[in-house]
């Protein structure tokens, strides 16, 4: 696997649960990879970041960390059309990419189609489902 696609709730979880995303992704990966951030996900984070509350703080934290991660692994911000979940599903299938998500319906759909899924294991670790 050379690509991992992250969805919005996965990126928010690092703030909500204190997960060290770079360390955890590097721990479970079997080699170098590119973290793919769909443009729809980044837009959603930017929209949330402009609000008040804990999800807004989590979005601001995620956006700041994405810049810091560039030193640990490659990040690709891919253009995406339409709904983020649908784009992630199609991209993962087409590119044989893993998907990092905590979204249960998306996770079930991905697993049913044979796409590797990374999710929270407990409240402090990431692993393949």
Protein backbone atom coordinates (compact mmCIF):
# COMPACT_ATOMS: atom_id res chain seq x y z
CA UNK A 1 0.00 0.00 0.00
CA UNK A 2 1.46 3.31 -1.00
CA UNK A 3 -1.55 5.58 -0.35
CA UNK A 4 -3.78 6.15 2.65
CA UNK A 5 -6.85 8.35 2.15
CA UNK A 6 -8.03 10.24 5.24
CA UNK A 7 -11.59 11.40 5.80
CA UNK A 8 -12.75 14.27 7.97
CA UNK A 9 -13.76 12.36 11.08
CA UNK A 10 -10.43 10.53 11.10
CA UNK A 11 -8.55 13.83 11.07
CA UNK A 12 -10.78 15.24 13.82
CA UNK A 13 -10.18 12.21 16.05
CA UNK A 14 -6.57 13.16 16.66
CA UNK A 15 -7.74 16.18 18.66
CA UNK A 16 -10.74 14.53 20.29
CA UNK A 17 -8.82 11.46 21.48
CA UNK A 18 -5.21 12.65 21.52
CA UNK A 19 -4.03 10.17 18.89
CA UNK A 20 -0.57 10.80 17.46
CA UNK A 21 -1.61 10.20 13.85
CA UNK A 22 1.86 10.31 12.23
CA UNK A 23 3.37 7.90 14.74
CA UNK A 24 0.44 5.52 14.53
CA UNK A 25 0.31 5.53 10.71
CA UNK A 26 4.04 4.95 10.49
CA UNK A 27 3.74 2.14 13.07
CA UNK A 28 1.10 0.21 11.13
CA UNK A 29 2.30 0.93 7.59
CA UNK A 30 4.43 -1.59 5.76
CA UNK A 31 6.60 1.03 4.09
CA UNK A 32 6.55 4.57 2.77
CA UNK A 33 3.15 5.98 1.91
CA UNK A 34 1.41 9.15 0.82
CA UNK A 35 -1.43 10.48 2.94
CA UNK A 36 -4.16 11.62 0.54
CA UNK A 37 -6.38 14.47 1.72
CA UNK A 38 -9.34 14.98 -0.63
CA UNK A 39 -10.12 18.63 -1.34
CA UNK A 40 -13.67 18.05 -0.08
CA UNK A 41 -12.21 16.98 3.28
CA UNK A 42 -9.99 20.04 3.47
CA UNK A 43 -12.95 22.29 2.59
CA UNK A 44 -15.00 20.66 5.34
CA UNK A 45 -12.18 21.21 7.84
CA UNK A 46 -11.90 24.86 6.80
CA UNK A 47 -15.65 25.32 7.18
CA UNK A 48 -15.65 23.70 10.63
CA UNK A 49 -12.57 25.69 11.71
CA UNK A 50 -14.47 28.94 11.22
CA UNK A 51 -17.09 27.98 13.79
CA UNK A 52 -17.07 27.78 17.58
CA UNK A 53 -16.89 24.73 19.79
CA UNK A 54 -14.88 21.56 20.15
CA UNK A 55 -15.31 20.36 16.55
CA UNK A 56 -14.05 23.75 15.35
CA UNK A 57 -11.01 23.45 17.61
CA UNK A 58 -10.44 19.91 16.33
CA UNK A 59 -10.63 21.15 12.72
CA UNK A 60 -8.11 23.94 13.37
CA UNK A 61 -5.82 21.41 15.06
CA UNK A 62 -6.10 19.03 12.08
CA UNK A 63 -5.31 21.78 9.58
CA UNK A 64 -2.24 22.89 11.55
CA UNK A 65 -0.98 19.32 11.91
CA UNK A 66 -1.34 18.54 8.21
CA UNK A 67 1.37 21.09 7.51
CA UNK A 68 3.67 19.62 10.18
CA UNK A 69 3.22 16.09 8.80
CA UNK A 70 4.87 16.99 5.50
CA UNK A 71 8.23 16.39 7.19
CA UNK A 72 7.23 12.87 8.30
CA UNK A 73 5.57 11.57 5.14
CA UNK A 74 4.23 12.77 1.80
CA UNK A 75 0.86 14.47 1.69
CA UNK A 76 -1.15 14.82 -1.48
CA UNK A 77 -4.18 17.09 -1.59
CA UNK A 78 -6.29 15.51 -4.31
CA UNK A 79 -9.11 17.34 -6.07
CA UNK A 80 -12.44 15.73 -5.36
CA UNK A 81 -15.86 16.33 -6.81
CA UNK A 82 -19.15 15.72 -5.04
CA UNK A 83 -19.55 14.07 -1.66
CA UNK A 84 -16.30 13.23 0.10
CA UNK A 85 -17.33 9.69 1.11
CA UNK A 86 -18.27 8.72 -2.45
CA UNK A 87 -15.05 10.19 -3.84
CA UNK A 88 -12.99 8.36 -1.17
CA UNK A 89 -14.72 5.07 -1.98
CA UNK A 90 -14.08 5.35 -5.73
CA UNK A 91 -10.51 6.64 -5.30
CA UNK A 92 -9.59 3.83 -2.91
CA UNK A 93 -10.91 1.17 -5.27
CA UNK A 94 -9.29 2.66 -8.36
CA UNK A 95 -5.89 3.28 -6.72
CA UNK A 96 -5.75 0.30 -4.35
CA UNK A 97 -5.44 2.71 -1.43
CA UNK A 98 -6.27 2.13 2.22
CA UNK A 99 -8.77 4.46 3.88
CA UNK A 100 -8.42 5.95 7.35
CA UNK A 101 -11.93 6.52 8.72
CA UNK A 102 -14.03 6.11 11.84
CA UNK A 103 -17.25 6.49 9.85
CA UNK A 104 -19.01 3.15 10.37
CA UNK A 105 -21.21 3.12 7.22
CA UNK A 106 -18.25 4.10 5.01
CA UNK A 107 -16.03 1.55 6.76
CA UNK A 108 -18.56 -1.25 6.18
CA UNK A 109 -18.93 -0.34 2.52
CA UNK A 110 -15.14 -0.22 2.02
CA UNK A 111 -14.57 -3.54 3.77
CA UNK A 112 -17.33 -5.20 1.74
CA UNK A 113 -15.52 -4.15 -1.44
CA UNK A 114 -12.11 -5.36 -0.21
CA UNK A 115 -10.57 -1.94 0.56
CA UNK A 116 -8.21 -1.94 3.59
CA UNK A 117 -9.51 0.29 6.39
CA UNK A 118 -7.60 1.95 9.21
CA UNK A 119 -9.62 3.01 12.25
CA UNK A 120 -9.27 3.73 15.93
CA UNK A 121 -8.56 0.73 18.12
CA UNK A 122 -9.69 1.71 21.56
CA UNK A 123 -9.15 5.41 22.17
CA UNK A 124 -5.42 5.71 21.68
CA UNK A 125 -4.27 3.56 18.76
CA UNK A 126 -4.90 3.02 15.08
CA UNK A 127 -5.00 -0.32 13.33
CA UNK A 128 -6.42 -2.13 10.34
CA UNK A 129 -10.00 -3.28 10.83
